[in-house]
Amino acid sequence: MKQNVGATDKIIRILLAIVFAALYFTNVVTGTFGIVLLVLAVVFAATALVGFCPLYALFGLNTCPVKKTRS
């Protein structure tokens, strides 16, 4: 898998995962919506840690900086 999630994107995903998990575990958000937020938190954390987002690949997006090659 080629990485397609950049550093800033990873930080945002981790922060969102923390917020979503905190909302769920403090019972601020409950029920079906709470479970959806918890699943999103897991997905955001996993894609941030792996550095690959399947939706980015599907739509051809890439937030990684372009690596310069020496010539």
PDB file of N, CA and C in Angstrom:
ATOM      1  N   MET A   1       0.834  -1.178   0.000  1.00  0.00           N
ATOM      2  CA  MET A   1       0.000   0.000   0.000  1.00  0.00           C
ATOM      3  C   MET A   1       0.882   1.246   0.000  1.00  0.00           C
ATOM      4  N   LYS A   2       0.599   2.103  -0.899  1.00  0.00           N
ATOM      5  CA  LYS A   2       1.312   3.374  -0.962  1.00  0.00           C
ATOM      6  C   LYS A   2       0.603   4.356  -0.039  1.00  0.00           C
ATOM      7  N   GLN A   3       1.369   5.052   0.810  1.00  0.00           N
ATOM      8  CA  GLN A   3       0.762   5.990   1.739  1.00  0.00           C
ATOM      9  C   GLN A   3       0.127   7.155   0.991  1.00  0.00           C
ATOM     10  N   ASN A   4      -1.058   7.538   1.436  1.00  0.00           N
ATOM     11  CA  ASN A   4      -1.740   8.673   0.825  1.00  0.00           C
ATOM     12  C   ASN A   4      -2.301   9.635   1.880  1.00  0.00           C
ATOM     13  N   VAL A   5      -1.869   9.481   3.135  1.00  0.00           N
ATOM     14  CA  VAL A   5      -2.313  10.358   4.219  1.00  0.00           C
ATOM     15  C   VAL A   5      -1.096  11.102   4.751  1.00  0.00           C
ATOM     16  N   GLY A   6      -1.115  12.426   4.628  1.00  0.00           N
ATOM     17  CA  GLY A   6       0.002  13.257   5.061  1.00  0.00           C
ATOM     18  C   GLY A   6       0.000  13.509   6.558  1.00  0.00           C
ATOM     19  N   ALA A   7       1.043  14.187   7.034  1.00  0.00           N
ATOM     20  CA  ALA A   7       1.235  14.416   8.469  1.00  0.00           C
ATOM     21  C   ALA A   7       0.107  15.255   9.076  1.00  0.00           C
ATOM     22  N   THR A   8      -0.273  16.328   8.427  1.00  0.00           N
ATOM     23  CA  THR A   8      -1.352  17.175   8.944  1.00  0.00           C
ATOM     24  C   THR A   8      -2.662  16.407   8.983  1.00  0.00           C
ATOM     25  N   ASP A   9      -2.917  15.638   7.947  1.00  0.00           N
ATOM     26  CA  ASP A   9      -4.114  14.815   7.867  1.00  0.00           C
ATOM     27  C   ASP A   9      -4.129  13.778   9.000  1.00  0.00           C
ATOM     28  N   LYS A  10      -2.967  13.201   9.299  1.00  0.00           N
ATOM     29  CA  LYS A  10      -2.878  12.220  10.388  1.00  0.00           C
ATOM     30  C   LYS A  10      -3.214  12.860  11.728  1.00  0.00           C
ATOM     31  N   ILE A  11      -2.696  14.052  11.966  1.00  0.00           N
ATOM     32  CA  ILE A  11      -2.962  14.750  13.233  1.00  0.00           C
ATOM     33  C   ILE A  11      -4.451  15.043  13.376  1.00  0.00           C
ATOM     34  N   ILE A  12      -5.074  15.509  12.314  1.00  0.00           N
ATOM     35  CA  ILE A  12      -6.511  15.815  12.348  1.00  0.00           C
ATOM     36  C   ILE A  12      -7.315  14.546  12.610  1.00  0.00           C
ATOM     37  N   ARG A  13      -6.942  13.447  11.965  1.00  0.00           N
ATOM     38  CA  ARG A  13      -7.654  12.178  12.167  1.00  0.00           C
ATOM     39  C   ARG A  13      -7.524  11.683  13.602  1.00  0.00           C
ATOM     40  N   ILE A  14      -6.329  11.775  14.164  1.00  0.00           N
ATOM     41  CA  ILE A  14      -6.125  11.338  15.547  1.00  0.00           C
ATOM     42  C   ILE A  14      -6.936  12.206  16.512  1.00  0.00           C
ATOM     43  N   LEU A  15      -6.918  13.518  16.296  1.00  0.00           N
ATOM     44  CA  LEU A  15      -7.689  14.416  17.169  1.00  0.00           C
ATOM     45  C   LEU A  15      -9.184  14.124  17.082  1.00  0.00           C
ATOM     46  N   LEU A  16      -9.688  13.912  15.878  1.00  0.00           N
ATOM     47  CA  LEU A  16     -11.104  13.574  15.722  1.00  0.00           C
ATOM     48  C   LEU A  16     -11.430  12.245  16.385  1.00  0.00           C
ATOM     49  N   ALA A  17     -10.545  11.277  16.261  1.00  0.00           N
ATOM     50  CA  ALA A  17     -10.761   9.974  16.892  1.00  0.00           C
ATOM     51  C   ALA A  17     -10.846  10.126  18.406  1.00  0.00           C
ATOM     52  N   ILE A  18      -9.966  10.943  18.972  1.00  0.00           N
ATOM     53  CA  ILE A  18      -9.980  11.168  20.422  1.00  0.00           C
ATOM     54  C   ILE A  18     -11.281  11.848  20.854  1.00  0.00           C
ATOM     55  N   VAL A  19     -11.693  12.863  20.112  1.00  0.00           N
ATOM     56  CA  VAL A  19     -12.928  13.589  20.446  1.00  0.00           C
ATOM     57  C   VAL A  19     -14.133  12.663  20.332  1.00  0.00           C
ATOM     58  N   PHE A  20     -14.229  11.904  19.243  1.00  0.00           N
ATOM     59  CA  PHE A  20     -15.367  10.999  19.049  1.00  0.00           C
ATOM     60  C   PHE A  20     -15.419   9.934  20.147  1.00  0.00           C
ATOM     61  N   ALA A  21     -14.261   9.358  20.484  1.00  0.00           N
ATOM     62  CA  ALA A  21     -14.222   8.345  21.538  1.00  0.00           C
ATOM     63  C   ALA A  21     -14.596   8.950  22.888  1.00  0.00           C
ATOM     64  N   ALA A  22     -14.118  10.149  23.159  1.00  0.00           N
ATOM     65  CA  ALA A  22     -14.443  10.814  24.421  1.00  0.00           C
ATOM     66  C   ALA A  22     -15.946  11.098  24.518  1.00  0.00           C
ATOM     67  N   LEU A  23     -16.540  11.543  23.431  1.00  0.00           N
ATOM     68  CA  LEU A  23     -17.984  11.794  23.430  1.00  0.00           C
ATOM     69  C   LEU A  23     -18.767  10.520  23.703  1.00  0.00           C
ATOM     70  N   TYR A  24     -18.303   9.413  23.152  1.00  0.00           N
ATOM     71  CA  TYR A  24     -19.003   8.145  23.352  1.00  0.00           C
ATOM     72  C   TYR A  24     -18.821   7.629  24.783  1.00  0.00           C
ATOM     73  N   PHE A  25     -17.577   7.601  25.261  1.00  0.00           N
ATOM     74  CA  PHE A  25     -17.300   6.999  26.562  1.00  0.00           C
ATOM     75  C   PHE A  25     -17.737   7.861  27.748  1.00  0.00           C
ATOM     76  N   THR A  26     -17.987   9.145  27.523  1.00  0.00           N
ATOM     77  CA  THR A  26     -18.529   9.993  28.585  1.00  0.00           C
ATOM     78  C   THR A  26     -20.053  10.087  28.504  1.00  0.00           C
ATOM     79  N   ASN A  27     -20.649   9.304  27.622  1.00  0.00           N
ATOM     80  CA  ASN A  27     -22.103   9.231  27.435  1.00  0.00           C
ATOM     81  C   ASN A  27     -22.726  10.559  27.030  1.00  0.00           C
ATOM     82  N   VAL A  28     -21.960  11.402  26.361  1.00  0.00           N
ATOM     83  CA  VAL A  28     -22.520  12.630  25.800  1.00  0.00           C
ATOM     84  C   VAL A  28     -23.350  12.266  24.574  1.00  0.00           C
ATOM     85  N   VAL A  29     -22.846  11.311  23.805  1.00  0.00           N
ATOM     86  CA  VAL A  29     -23.558  10.815  22.633  1.00  0.00           C
ATOM     87  C   VAL A  29     -23.814   9.327  22.854  1.00  0.00           C
ATOM     88  N   THR A  30     -25.066   8.920  22.738  1.00  0.00           N
ATOM     89  CA  THR A  30     -25.419   7.523  22.991  1.00  0.00           C
ATOM     90  C   THR A  30     -26.242   6.973  21.833  1.00  0.00           C
ATOM     91  N   GLY A  31     -26.593   5.732  21.933  1.00  0.00           N
ATOM     92  CA  GLY A  31     -27.444   5.095  20.937  1.00  0.00           C
ATOM     93  C   GLY A  31     -26.710   4.830  19.644  1.00  0.00           C
ATOM     94  N   THR A  32     -27.472   4.784  18.578  1.00  0.00           N
ATOM     95  CA  THR A  32     -26.925   4.479  17.261  1.00  0.00           C
ATOM     96  C   THR A  32     -25.899   5.510  16.823  1.00  0.00           C
ATOM     97  N   PHE A  33     -26.179   6.773  17.072  1.00  0.00           N
ATOM     98  CA  PHE A  33     -25.240   7.829  16.682  1.00  0.00           C
ATOM     99  C   PHE A  33     -23.919   7.684  17.434  1.00  0.00           C
ATOM    100  N   GLY A  34     -23.999   7.290  18.689  1.00  0.00           N
ATOM    101  CA  GLY A  34     -22.793   7.070  19.472  1.00  0.00           C
ATOM    102  C   GLY A  34     -21.960   5.935  18.915  1.00  0.00           C
ATOM    103  N   ILE A  35     -22.603   4.855  18.504  1.00  0.00           N
ATOM    104  CA  ILE A  35     -21.885   3.720  17.915  1.00  0.00           C
ATOM    105  C   ILE A  35     -21.252   4.117  16.592  1.00  0.00           C
ATOM    106  N   VAL A  36     -21.972   4.900  15.792  1.00  0.00           N
ATOM    107  CA  VAL A  36     -21.417   5.378  14.522  1.00  0.00           C
ATOM    108  C   VAL A  36     -20.178   6.235  14.776  1.00  0.00           C
ATOM    109  N   LEU A  37     -20.231   7.112  15.769  1.00  0.00           N
ATOM    110  CA  LEU A  37     -19.064   7.938  16.103  1.00  0.00           C
ATOM    111  C   LEU A  37     -17.898   7.081  16.582  1.00  0.00           C
ATOM    112  N   LEU A  38     -18.186   6.052  17.355  1.00  0.00           N
ATOM    113  CA  LEU A  38     -17.124   5.171  17.839  1.00  0.00           C
ATOM    114  C   LEU A  38     -16.477   4.411  16.683  1.00  0.00           C
ATOM    115  N   VAL A  39     -17.272   3.940  15.740  1.00  0.00           N
ATOM    116  CA  VAL A  39     -16.729   3.258  14.557  1.00  0.00           C
ATOM    117  C   VAL A  39     -15.879   4.221  13.741  1.00  0.00           C
ATOM    118  N   LEU A  40     -16.348   5.451  13.566  1.00  0.00           N
ATOM    119  CA  LEU A  40     -15.566   6.460  12.858  1.00  0.00           C
ATOM    120  C   LEU A  40     -14.252   6.752  13.578  1.00  0.00           C
ATOM    121  N   ALA A  41     -14.285   6.774  14.895  1.00  0.00           N
ATOM    122  CA  ALA A  41     -13.067   7.003  15.668  1.00  0.00           C
ATOM    123  C   ALA A  41     -12.054   5.895  15.405  1.00  0.00           C
ATOM    124  N   VAL A  42     -12.516   4.659  15.362  1.00  0.00           N
ATOM    125  CA  VAL A  42     -11.618   3.533  15.100  1.00  0.00           C
ATOM    126  C   VAL A  42     -11.057   3.620  13.685  1.00  0.00           C
ATOM    127  N   VAL A  43     -11.901   3.953  12.721  1.00  0.00           N
ATOM    128  CA  VAL A  43     -11.450   4.063  11.328  1.00  0.00           C
ATOM    129  C   VAL A  43     -10.440   5.200  11.180  1.00  0.00           C
ATOM    130  N   PHE A  44     -10.728   6.352  11.770  1.00  0.00           N
ATOM    131  CA  PHE A  44      -9.801   7.485  11.690  1.00  0.00           C
ATOM    132  C   PHE A  44      -8.458   7.145  12.327  1.00  0.00           C
ATOM    133  N   ALA A  45      -8.492   6.500  13.489  1.00  0.00           N
ATOM    134  CA  ALA A  45      -7.246   6.136  14.158  1.00  0.00           C
ATOM    135  C   ALA A  45      -6.462   5.117  13.331  1.00  0.00           C
ATOM    136  N   ALA A  46      -7.150   4.136  12.775  1.00  0.00           N
ATOM    137  CA  ALA A  46      -6.465   3.107  11.991  1.00  0.00           C
ATOM    138  C   ALA A  46      -5.840   3.687  10.724  1.00  0.00           C
ATOM    139  N   THR A  47      -6.575   4.529  10.018  1.00  0.00           N
ATOM    140  CA  THR A  47      -6.028   5.108   8.791  1.00  0.00           C
ATOM    141  C   THR A  47      -4.884   6.064   9.093  1.00  0.00           C
ATOM    142  N   ALA A  48      -4.941   6.737  10.237  1.00  0.00           N
ATOM    143  CA  ALA A  48      -3.836   7.627  10.617  1.00  0.00           C
ATOM    144  C   ALA A  48      -2.586   6.816  10.952  1.00  0.00           C
ATOM    145  N   LEU A  49      -2.749   5.715  11.660  1.00  0.00           N
ATOM    146  CA  LEU A  49      -1.600   4.904  12.041  1.00  0.00           C
ATOM    147  C   LEU A  49      -0.982   4.178  10.851  1.00  0.00           C
ATOM    148  N   VAL A  50      -1.820   3.709   9.936  1.00  0.00           N
ATOM    149  CA  VAL A  50      -1.323   2.985   8.762  1.00  0.00           C
ATOM    150  C   VAL A  50      -0.809   3.945   7.702  1.00  0.00           C
ATOM    151  N   GLY A  51      -1.434   5.126   7.606  1.00  0.00           N
ATOM    152  CA  GLY A  51      -1.030   6.106   6.605  1.00  0.00           C
ATOM    153  C   GLY A  51      -1.686   5.897   5.259  1.00  0.00           C
ATOM    154  N   PHE A  52      -2.719   5.072   5.236  1.00  0.00           N
ATOM    155  CA  PHE A  52      -3.415   4.775   3.983  1.00  0.00           C
ATOM    156  C   PHE A  52      -4.912   4.881   4.205  1.00  0.00           C
ATOM    157  N   CYS A  53      -5.594   5.610   3.322  1.00  0.00           N
ATOM    158  CA  CYS A  53      -7.045   5.753   3.382  1.00  0.00           C
ATOM    159  C   CYS A  53      -7.640   5.184   2.095  1.00  0.00           C
ATOM    160  N   PRO A  54      -8.452   4.123   2.200  1.00  0.00           N
ATOM    161  CA  PRO A  54      -9.044   3.532   0.999  1.00  0.00           C
ATOM    162  C   PRO A  54      -9.922   4.509   0.207  1.00  0.00           C
ATOM    163  N   LEU A  55     -10.625   5.398   0.890  1.00  0.00           N
ATOM    164  CA  LEU A  55     -11.451   6.371   0.171  1.00  0.00           C
ATOM    165  C   LEU A  55     -10.598   7.349  -0.626  1.00  0.00           C
ATOM    166  N   TYR A  56      -9.447   7.745  -0.070  1.00  0.00           N
ATOM    167  CA  TYR A  56      -8.531   8.608  -0.812  1.00  0.00           C
ATOM    168  C   TYR A  56      -8.064   7.894  -2.080  1.00  0.00           C
ATOM    169  N   ALA A  57      -7.743   6.613  -1.958  1.00  0.00           N
ATOM    170  CA  ALA A  57      -7.296   5.843  -3.123  1.00  0.00           C
ATOM    171  C   ALA A  57      -8.407   5.741  -4.156  1.00  0.00           C
ATOM    172  N   LEU A  58      -9.630   5.523  -3.701  1.00  0.00           N
ATOM    173  CA  LEU A  58     -10.771   5.401  -4.604  1.00  0.00           C
ATOM    174  C   LEU A  58     -11.000   6.678  -5.409  1.00  0.00           C
ATOM    175  N   PHE A  59     -10.844   7.830  -4.748  1.00  0.00           N
ATOM    176  CA  PHE A  59     -11.075   9.110  -5.409  1.00  0.00           C
ATOM    177  C   PHE A  59      -9.802   9.768  -5.942  1.00  0.00           C
ATOM    178  N   GLY A  60      -8.666   9.094  -5.797  1.00  0.00           N
ATOM    179  CA  GLY A  60      -7.414   9.614  -6.336  1.00  0.00           C
ATOM    180  C   GLY A  60      -6.828  10.768  -5.541  1.00  0.00           C
ATOM    181  N   LEU A  61      -7.144  10.853  -4.264  1.00  0.00           N
ATOM    182  CA  LEU A  61      -6.622  11.925  -3.417  1.00  0.00           C
ATOM    183  C   LEU A  61      -5.333  11.474  -2.749  1.00  0.00           C
ATOM    184  N   ASN A  62      -4.479  12.452  -2.419  1.00  0.00           N
ATOM    185  CA  ASN A  62      -3.227  12.168  -1.746  1.00  0.00           C
ATOM    186  C   ASN A  62      -2.797  13.427  -1.004  1.00  0.00           C
ATOM    187  N   THR A  63      -2.654  13.319   0.325  1.00  0.00           N
ATOM    188  CA  THR A  63      -2.242  14.475   1.102  1.00  0.00           C
ATOM    189  C   THR A  63      -0.779  14.377   1.531  1.00  0.00           C
ATOM    190  N   CYS A  64      -0.076  13.350   1.064  1.00  0.00           N
ATOM    191  CA  CYS A  64       1.360  13.228   1.338  1.00  0.00           C
ATOM    192  C   CYS A  64       2.116  14.222   0.469  1.00  0.00           C
ATOM    193  N   PRO A  65       3.157  14.823   1.031  1.00  0.00           N
ATOM    194  CA  PRO A  65       3.966  15.718   0.200  1.00  0.00           C
ATOM    195  C   PRO A  65       4.699  14.924  -0.876  1.00  0.00           C
ATOM    196  N   VAL A  66       4.916  15.563  -1.989  1.00  0.00           N
ATOM    197  CA  VAL A  66       5.612  14.926  -3.103  1.00  0.00           C
ATOM    198  C   VAL A  66       7.085  14.831  -2.756  1.00  0.00           C
ATOM    199  N   LYS A  67       7.637  13.632  -2.846  1.00  0.00           N
ATOM    200  CA  LYS A  67       9.054  13.444  -2.566  1.00  0.00           C
ATOM    201  C   LYS A  67       9.856  13.832  -3.796  1.00  0.00           C
ATOM    202  N   LYS A  68      10.884  14.637  -3.564  1.00  0.00           N
ATOM    203  CA  LYS A  68      11.743  15.059  -4.665  1.00  0.00           C
ATOM    204  C   LYS A  68      12.790  13.973  -4.908  1.00  0.00           C
ATOM    205  N   THR A  69      13.012  13.673  -6.154  1.00  0.00           N
ATOM    206  CA  THR A  69      14.026  12.686  -6.509  1.00  0.00           C
ATOM    207  C   THR A  69      15.277  13.412  -6.974  1.00  0.00           C
ATOM    208  N   ARG A  70      16.407  12.849  -6.657  1.00  0.00           N
ATOM    209  CA  ARG A  70      17.661  13.431  -7.107  1.00  0.00           C
ATOM    210  C   ARG A  70      17.910  13.025  -8.540  1.00  0.00           C
ATOM    211  N   SER A  71      18.401  13.977  -9.325  1.00  0.00           N
ATOM    212  CA  SER A  71      18.677  13.645 -10.727  1.00  0.00           C
ATOM    213  C   SER A  71      20.137  13.713 -11.037  1.00  0.00           C
TER     214      SER A  71
END
